[in-house]
């Protein structure tokens, strides 16, 4: 059974970042199901990793380089997952300090080849490019396999029929991208290749 770690760095409760993260994860599961994967290969477990309750432990880890137990569990869930959905709010044209601090405490090679789907929330569409210049370079440095489609959701995207419809479309496309990345990931278990009959040897043995 494979897993998707759903990381949300929202600071409020309830959180639009958590809502977007959940919807991206659900879209990924739907895309994987549409691909008709065998049941044994389909991810059946989502691990929700909310950073808000871990804020003090993340700060302590930054200062002391010691990882408290609850934070250690969250880190293990992320780095041992088969894919990650990572959503954070945008402040001052960049990801929140909580989100960046969590990434800073990970080992440098913890996310190598990890399929990652990025999402962000913010009050204004003016922040929509923050994923490209603020989020994606960080995960590129960590050598994660970042899905090409990322989703930014502004406040207005949740409040009108047109905004919701457009957001739904972006979420479905992003989920399909992560599903594709998971299927083609170098981390994914490789199926045994079927044995190919050597017809030359077979005919030779028949002639003896």
Protein backbone atom coordinates (compact mmCIF):
# COMPACT_ATOMS: atom_id res chain seq x y z
CA UNK A 1 0.00 0.00 0.00
CA UNK A 2 1.44 3.34 -1.04
CA UNK A 3 0.88 6.63 0.73
CA UNK A 4 0.54 10.32 -0.05
CA UNK A 5 1.67 12.77 2.63
CA UNK A 6 -0.63 15.80 2.56
CA UNK A 7 1.29 18.70 4.10
CA UNK A 8 -0.58 21.86 5.00
CA UNK A 9 1.14 24.93 6.43
CA UNK A 10 -2.01 26.98 7.03
CA UNK A 11 -1.94 29.23 10.09
CA UNK A 12 -5.66 29.59 10.69
CA UNK A 13 -8.31 27.14 11.80
CA UNK A 14 -10.10 26.25 9.58
CA UNK A 15 -7.51 26.78 6.87
CA UNK A 16 -7.93 27.36 3.15
CA UNK A 17 -4.50 25.78 2.70
CA UNK A 18 -5.74 22.58 4.34
CA UNK A 19 -8.86 22.66 2.17
CA UNK A 20 -6.81 23.02 -1.00
CA UNK A 21 -4.39 20.29 0.11
CA UNK A 22 -7.25 17.86 0.76
CA UNK A 23 -8.80 18.56 -2.63
CA UNK A 24 -5.50 18.10 -4.43
CA UNK A 25 -4.98 14.77 -2.67
CA UNK A 26 -8.50 13.62 -3.56
CA UNK A 27 -7.96 14.62 -7.19
CA UNK A 28 -4.78 12.57 -7.26
CA UNK A 29 -6.56 9.52 -5.90
CA UNK A 30 -9.30 9.94 -8.52
CA UNK A 31 -6.73 10.20 -11.31
CA UNK A 32 -4.96 7.06 -10.11
CA UNK A 33 -8.28 5.20 -9.98
CA UNK A 34 -9.14 6.34 -13.51
CA UNK A 35 -5.87 4.84 -14.68
CA UNK A 36 -7.21 1.41 -13.66
CA UNK A 37 -4.24 0.51 -11.49
CA UNK A 38 -4.43 -2.85 -9.75
CA UNK A 39 -5.89 -2.50 -6.26
CA UNK A 40 -2.58 -3.53 -4.69
CA UNK A 41 -0.82 -0.61 -6.39
CA UNK A 42 -3.41 2.10 -5.79
CA UNK A 43 -2.67 4.46 -2.88
CA UNK A 44 -5.29 3.84 -0.26
CA UNK A 45 -3.90 5.96 2.55
CA UNK A 46 -3.52 9.72 2.91
CA UNK A 47 -1.34 11.00 5.74
CA UNK A 48 -2.38 14.49 6.84
CA UNK A 49 0.56 16.50 8.18
CA UNK A 50 -0.62 19.84 9.58
CA UNK A 51 2.31 22.09 10.47
CA UNK A 52 0.40 24.59 12.62
CA UNK A 53 0.35 22.35 15.75
CA UNK A 54 4.06 21.68 15.22
CA UNK A 55 5.13 25.33 14.99
CA UNK A 56 6.91 25.44 18.35
CA UNK A 57 8.68 22.14 17.73
CA UNK A 58 9.79 23.32 14.28
CA UNK A 59 11.26 26.47 15.85
CA UNK A 60 13.02 24.40 18.53
CA UNK A 61 14.46 22.11 15.87
CA UNK A 62 15.75 25.12 13.92
CA UNK A 63 17.50 26.47 17.02
CA UNK A 64 18.80 23.25 18.58
CA UNK A 65 18.98 20.80 15.65
CA UNK A 66 17.10 18.36 17.91
CA UNK A 67 13.83 16.98 16.54
CA UNK A 68 11.09 16.52 19.17
CA UNK A 69 9.00 13.32 18.96
CA UNK A 70 5.82 14.70 17.32
CA UNK A 71 7.84 16.58 14.72
CA UNK A 72 9.98 13.51 14.14
CA UNK A 73 6.86 11.49 13.36
CA UNK A 74 5.66 14.14 10.90
CA UNK A 75 9.04 14.27 9.17
CA UNK A 76 9.12 10.47 8.87
CA UNK A 77 5.63 10.44 7.36
CA UNK A 78 6.71 12.92 4.72
CA UNK A 79 10.09 11.47 3.74
CA UNK A 80 8.83 7.87 3.76
CA UNK A 81 5.73 8.59 1.67
CA UNK A 82 5.39 7.69 -1.99
CA UNK A 83 4.33 11.23 -2.91
CA UNK A 84 3.76 14.60 -1.23
CA UNK A 85 1.10 17.25 -1.63
CA UNK A 86 2.55 20.47 -0.19
CA UNK A 87 0.36 23.55 0.30
CA UNK A 88 1.27 26.75 2.10
CA UNK A 89 -0.09 30.28 2.34
CA UNK A 90 1.76 33.10 0.61
CA UNK A 91 2.95 36.06 2.66
CA UNK A 92 4.95 38.95 1.17
CA UNK A 93 5.27 37.13 -2.16
CA UNK A 94 6.79 33.96 -0.67
CA UNK A 95 5.83 30.82 1.21
CA UNK A 96 5.08 31.21 4.89
CA UNK A 97 7.97 31.02 7.33
CA UNK A 98 6.41 27.96 8.94
CA UNK A 99 6.44 26.07 5.66
CA UNK A 100 10.01 27.07 4.79
CA UNK A 101 11.26 26.25 8.29
CA UNK A 102 9.79 22.75 8.03
CA UNK A 103 11.63 22.20 4.77
CA UNK A 104 14.82 23.59 6.31
CA UNK A 105 14.92 20.91 9.01
CA UNK A 106 14.71 18.05 6.51
CA UNK A 107 17.89 16.24 5.53
CA UNK A 108 19.31 17.56 2.29
CA UNK A 109 18.61 14.31 0.41
CA UNK A 110 15.28 13.49 2.07
CA UNK A 111 13.10 14.32 -0.95
CA UNK A 112 15.30 13.18 -3.83
CA UNK A 113 13.04 11.88 -6.66
CA UNK A 114 9.94 12.35 -4.47
CA UNK A 115 6.86 13.18 -6.57
CA UNK A 116 5.56 16.49 -5.19
CA UNK A 117 2.47 18.51 -6.03
CA UNK A 118 2.62 22.18 -5.01
CA UNK A 119 -0.24 24.40 -3.97
CA UNK A 120 -0.56 27.84 -2.41
CA UNK A 121 -3.26 30.12 -1.06
CA UNK A 122 -3.37 33.88 -0.74
CA UNK A 123 -5.64 36.84 -0.46
CA UNK A 124 -4.89 38.25 -3.90
CA UNK A 125 -4.26 36.81 -7.38
CA UNK A 126 -1.18 39.04 -7.46
CA UNK A 127 0.57 36.32 -5.46
CA UNK A 128 -0.14 33.62 -8.04
CA UNK A 129 3.44 33.54 -9.37
CA UNK A 130 4.84 32.95 -5.87
CA UNK A 131 4.74 29.19 -6.49
CA UNK A 132 7.03 29.54 -9.49
CA UNK A 133 9.60 31.90 -7.98
CA UNK A 134 9.23 31.01 -4.29
CA UNK A 135 8.15 27.38 -3.96
CA UNK A 136 9.43 25.52 -7.01
CA UNK A 137 13.11 26.57 -6.66
CA UNK A 138 13.19 25.24 -3.09
CA UNK A 139 11.96 21.81 -4.16
CA UNK A 140 14.28 21.86 -7.17
CA UNK A 141 17.17 22.39 -4.75
CA UNK A 142 15.93 19.39 -2.75
CA UNK A 143 15.87 17.43 -6.05
CA UNK A 144 12.22 16.46 -5.73
CA UNK A 145 10.24 15.42 -8.81
CA UNK A 146 7.84 18.37 -8.85
CA UNK A 147 4.63 18.00 -10.88
CA UNK A 148 4.46 20.53 -13.73
CA UNK A 149 1.03 21.87 -12.72
CA UNK A 150 0.76 23.79 -9.45
CA UNK A 151 -2.39 25.36 -8.03
CA UNK A 152 -2.75 28.81 -6.51
CA UNK A 153 -6.10 29.64 -4.92
CA UNK A 154 -6.93 33.26 -4.09
CA UNK A 155 -9.78 34.23 -1.80
CA UNK A 156 -12.01 35.06 -4.76
CA UNK A 157 -11.53 31.57 -6.22
CA UNK A 158 -13.64 30.14 -3.42
CA UNK A 159 -16.41 32.73 -3.59
CA UNK A 160 -17.98 32.67 -7.08
CA UNK A 161 -19.33 30.00 -9.40
CA UNK A 162 -16.84 30.92 -12.14
CA UNK A 163 -13.94 30.96 -9.67
CA UNK A 164 -14.89 27.59 -8.20
CA UNK A 165 -15.25 26.03 -11.66
CA UNK A 166 -11.84 27.31 -12.77
CA UNK A 167 -10.24 26.15 -9.52
CA UNK A 168 -11.82 22.70 -9.86
CA UNK A 169 -10.34 22.39 -13.35
CA UNK A 170 -6.85 23.31 -12.15
CA UNK A 171 -7.11 20.89 -9.24
CA UNK A 172 -8.11 18.00 -11.50
CA UNK A 173 -5.24 18.71 -13.89
CA UNK A 174 -2.75 18.94 -11.01
CA UNK A 175 -4.02 15.68 -9.53
CA UNK A 176 -3.58 13.98 -12.89
CA UNK A 177 -0.01 15.31 -13.07
CA UNK A 178 0.88 13.91 -9.65
CA UNK A 179 -0.72 10.57 -10.50
CA UNK A 180 1.43 10.42 -13.63
CA UNK A 181 4.54 11.35 -11.62
CA UNK A 182 3.80 8.59 -9.12
CA UNK A 183 3.38 5.97 -11.83
CA UNK A 184 6.66 6.96 -13.50
CA UNK A 185 8.64 7.70 -10.35
CA UNK A 186 12.06 6.15 -9.89
CA UNK A 187 10.95 5.53 -6.30
CA UNK A 188 8.04 3.32 -7.40
CA UNK A 189 8.52 -0.45 -7.10
CA UNK A 190 9.51 -1.84 -10.45
CA UNK A 191 7.51 -4.70 -11.88
CA UNK A 192 9.40 -7.81 -12.88
CA UNK A 193 9.81 -7.89 -16.63
CA UNK A 194 8.22 -10.93 -18.28
CA UNK A 195 10.61 -13.59 -19.47
CA UNK A 196 11.19 -13.39 -23.23
CA UNK A 197 11.50 -16.69 -25.02
CA UNK A 198 14.74 -17.17 -26.93
CA UNK A 199 13.25 -18.69 -30.08
CA UNK A 200 16.68 -19.29 -31.58
CA UNK A 201 17.68 -21.46 -28.67
CA UNK A 202 14.28 -23.17 -28.69
CA UNK A 203 14.50 -24.08 -32.40
CA UNK A 204 18.08 -25.22 -31.93
CA UNK A 205 17.08 -27.57 -29.14
CA UNK A 206 14.23 -28.99 -31.25
CA UNK A 207 16.66 -29.79 -34.05
CA UNK A 208 18.88 -31.86 -31.82
